[in-house]
Amino acid sequence: MLNLILTVKEFYNNAVLHLYMSEVIVQVFGVLCEAQYFQNVMRAGYRLRATLVAAVFRKSLRLTHEGQRKFASGKITNLMTTDAEALQQICQSLHTLWSAPFRIIVAMVLLYQHLNVASLLGALMLVLLFPIQPIKIHLSSNEYYTEMHAIHNG
């Protein structure tokens, strides 16, 4: 009987160890895949930015004298840097448009499997609090600027 108990305990310990090791392997694989994805997205964003900067620069070289007076060098520089960087960041953020709803749905399904109706109530509270967030942020920022103004004015 004691031998049977020790065998069951050893099997349980091995099963838990295998479960933990498989979880670590899955997590490492997920991190590597995500890093590869972000590297590819960054590369695409930099290529987009470089193409846009080259196009604006090429166009600025072809401007006539009247066109050069119409567009200041600062405006052209702004187009080449700020706008190109904004496009690069948009390229990097496009992944969120499809992955965020997918992740939320998966999380809700998993929560529902474990918590049943309580998960739906939590999600409902989250959705109901969405309209309140901008109001709270606005009020907090107004309080912050009022305090900073009071500090600077003595």
Protein backbone atom coordinates (compact mmCIF):
# COMPACT_ATOMS: atom_id res chain seq x y z
CA MET A 1 0.00 0.00 0.00
CA LEU A 2 2.79 2.43 0.87
CA ASN A 3 4.52 1.56 -2.39
CA LEU A 4 1.32 2.43 -4.29
CA ILE A 5 1.05 5.81 -2.51
CA LEU A 6 4.68 6.63 -3.33
CA THR A 7 4.16 5.63 -6.96
CA VAL A 8 1.07 7.87 -7.26
CA LYS A 9 2.91 10.77 -5.62
CA GLU A 10 5.91 10.34 -7.93
CA PHE A 11 3.60 10.22 -10.97
CA TYR A 12 1.79 13.36 -9.79
CA ASN A 13 5.07 15.24 -9.24
CA ASN A 14 6.29 14.22 -12.71
CA ALA A 15 2.98 15.27 -14.30
CA VAL A 16 3.12 18.69 -12.63
CA LEU A 17 6.76 19.10 -13.68
CA HIS A 18 5.89 18.21 -17.27
CA LEU A 19 2.98 20.64 -17.18
CA TYR A 20 5.19 23.47 -15.95
CA MET A 21 7.90 22.70 -18.50
CA SER A 22 5.39 22.61 -21.35
CA GLU A 23 3.98 25.97 -20.17
CA VAL A 24 7.47 27.49 -20.17
CA ILE A 25 8.16 26.16 -23.65
CA VAL A 26 4.85 27.53 -24.96
CA GLN A 27 5.54 30.94 -23.41
CA VAL A 28 9.06 31.11 -24.87
CA PHE A 29 7.73 30.13 -28.29
CA GLY A 30 5.02 32.82 -28.03
CA VAL A 31 7.56 35.48 -27.09
CA LEU A 32 9.82 34.50 -29.98
CA CYS A 33 6.92 34.62 -32.45
CA GLU A 34 5.79 38.01 -31.16
CA ALA A 35 9.34 39.40 -31.34
CA GLN A 36 9.62 38.20 -34.94
CA TYR A 37 6.29 39.82 -35.76
CA PHE A 38 7.31 43.15 -34.25
CA GLN A 39 10.63 43.06 -36.08
CA ASN A 40 8.82 42.59 -39.40
CA VAL A 41 6.33 45.35 -38.60
CA MET A 42 9.11 47.75 -37.60
CA ARG A 43 10.95 46.95 -40.80
CA ALA A 44 7.83 47.65 -42.87
CA GLY A 45 7.26 50.90 -40.96
CA TYR A 46 10.82 52.07 -41.56
CA ARG A 47 10.54 51.22 -45.24
CA LEU A 48 7.30 53.20 -45.47
CA ARG A 49 8.92 56.14 -43.71
CA ALA A 50 12.01 56.04 -45.93
CA THR A 51 9.85 55.89 -49.06
CA LEU A 52 7.74 58.85 -47.96
CA VAL A 53 10.78 60.95 -47.01
CA ALA A 54 12.41 60.18 -50.36
CA ALA A 55 9.23 61.08 -52.25
CA VAL A 56 8.82 64.40 -50.41
CA PHE A 57 12.51 65.22 -50.87
CA ARG A 58 12.35 64.37 -54.59
CA LYS A 59 9.25 66.54 -54.95
CA SER A 60 10.91 69.43 -53.08
CA LEU A 61 13.86 69.33 -55.48
CA ARG A 62 11.50 69.77 -58.44
CA LEU A 63 9.75 72.84 -57.03
CA THR A 64 9.92 75.97 -59.13
CA HIS A 65 11.00 79.27 -57.64
CA GLU A 66 7.37 80.26 -57.04
CA GLY A 67 6.68 76.92 -55.40
CA GLN A 68 9.66 77.34 -53.11
CA ARG A 69 8.28 80.68 -51.94
CA LYS A 70 4.89 79.07 -51.34
CA PHE A 71 6.30 76.24 -49.19
CA ALA A 72 8.75 77.22 -46.49
CA SER A 73 11.67 74.90 -45.82
CA GLY A 74 10.26 74.24 -42.35
CA LYS A 75 7.02 72.92 -43.81
CA ILE A 76 8.87 70.56 -46.10
CA THR A 77 11.04 69.39 -43.21
CA ASN A 78 7.90 68.88 -41.13
CA LEU A 79 6.39 66.74 -43.88
CA MET A 80 9.55 64.72 -44.11
CA THR A 81 9.84 63.99 -40.40
CA THR A 82 6.63 64.35 -38.42
CA ASP A 83 4.19 63.04 -40.98
CA ALA A 84 6.48 60.20 -42.00
CA GLU A 85 6.90 59.19 -38.38
CA ALA A 86 3.13 59.27 -37.85
CA LEU A 87 2.67 56.89 -40.77
CA GLN A 88 5.34 54.62 -39.36
CA GLN A 89 3.56 54.47 -36.01
CA ILE A 90 0.23 53.76 -37.70
CA CYS A 91 1.84 50.86 -39.51
CA GLN A 92 3.03 49.48 -36.17
CA SER A 93 -0.39 49.94 -34.54
CA LEU A 94 -2.51 48.26 -37.21
CA HIS A 95 -1.95 44.90 -35.53
CA THR A 96 -4.01 46.09 -32.57
CA LEU A 97 -7.12 46.62 -34.72
CA TRP A 98 -7.65 42.92 -35.23
CA SER A 99 -5.76 41.40 -32.31
CA ALA A 100 -7.36 43.37 -29.47
CA PRO A 101 -10.95 42.17 -30.13
CA PHE A 102 -9.65 38.63 -30.67
CA ARG A 103 -7.75 38.68 -27.36
CA ILE A 104 -10.75 40.11 -25.52
CA ILE A 105 -13.04 37.38 -26.89
CA VAL A 106 -10.58 34.62 -25.98
CA ALA A 107 -10.14 36.06 -22.48
CA MET A 108 -13.92 36.31 -21.99
CA VAL A 109 -14.45 32.71 -23.11
CA LEU A 110 -11.76 31.46 -20.73
CA LEU A 111 -13.15 33.56 -17.88
CA TYR A 112 -16.65 32.30 -18.57
CA GLN A 113 -15.44 28.71 -18.40
CA HIS A 114 -14.03 29.31 -14.93
CA LEU A 115 -16.35 31.94 -13.42
CA ASN A 116 -19.60 31.46 -15.35
CA VAL A 117 -22.02 34.39 -14.93
CA ALA A 118 -19.62 36.42 -12.75
CA SER A 119 -17.37 36.99 -15.76
CA LEU A 120 -20.28 38.43 -17.73
CA LEU A 121 -21.12 40.80 -14.88
CA GLY A 122 -17.51 41.96 -14.75
CA ALA A 123 -17.48 42.56 -18.51
CA LEU A 124 -20.76 44.45 -18.25
CA MET A 125 -19.29 46.73 -15.55
CA LEU A 126 -16.27 47.37 -17.76
CA VAL A 127 -18.48 48.34 -20.70
CA LEU A 128 -20.68 50.56 -18.52
CA LEU A 129 -17.63 52.39 -17.16
CA PHE A 130 -16.23 53.23 -20.62
CA PRO A 131 -18.18 56.52 -20.95
CA ILE A 132 -17.04 57.64 -17.51
CA GLN A 133 -13.32 57.27 -18.28
CA PRO A 134 -12.93 60.36 -20.55
CA ILE A 135 -14.80 62.49 -18.02
CA LYS A 136 -12.56 61.32 -15.18
CA ILE A 137 -9.43 61.88 -17.27
CA HIS A 138 -10.58 65.39 -18.18
CA LEU A 139 -11.31 66.25 -14.56
CA SER A 140 -7.97 64.85 -13.40
CA SER A 141 -6.03 66.78 -16.03
CA ASN A 142 -7.86 70.01 -15.12
CA GLU A 143 -6.99 69.50 -11.45
CA TYR A 144 -3.36 68.84 -12.37
CA TYR A 145 -3.07 71.98 -14.49
CA THR A 146 -4.80 74.04 -11.80
CA GLU A 147 -2.31 72.81 -9.19
CA MET A 148 0.66 73.46 -11.50
CA HIS A 149 -0.62 76.94 -12.25
CA ALA A 150 -1.00 77.65 -8.52
CA ILE A 151 2.54 76.40 -7.86
CA HIS A 152 4.07 78.55 -10.60
CA ASN A 153 2.17 81.68 -9.60
CA GLY A 154 3.07 81.25 -5.98
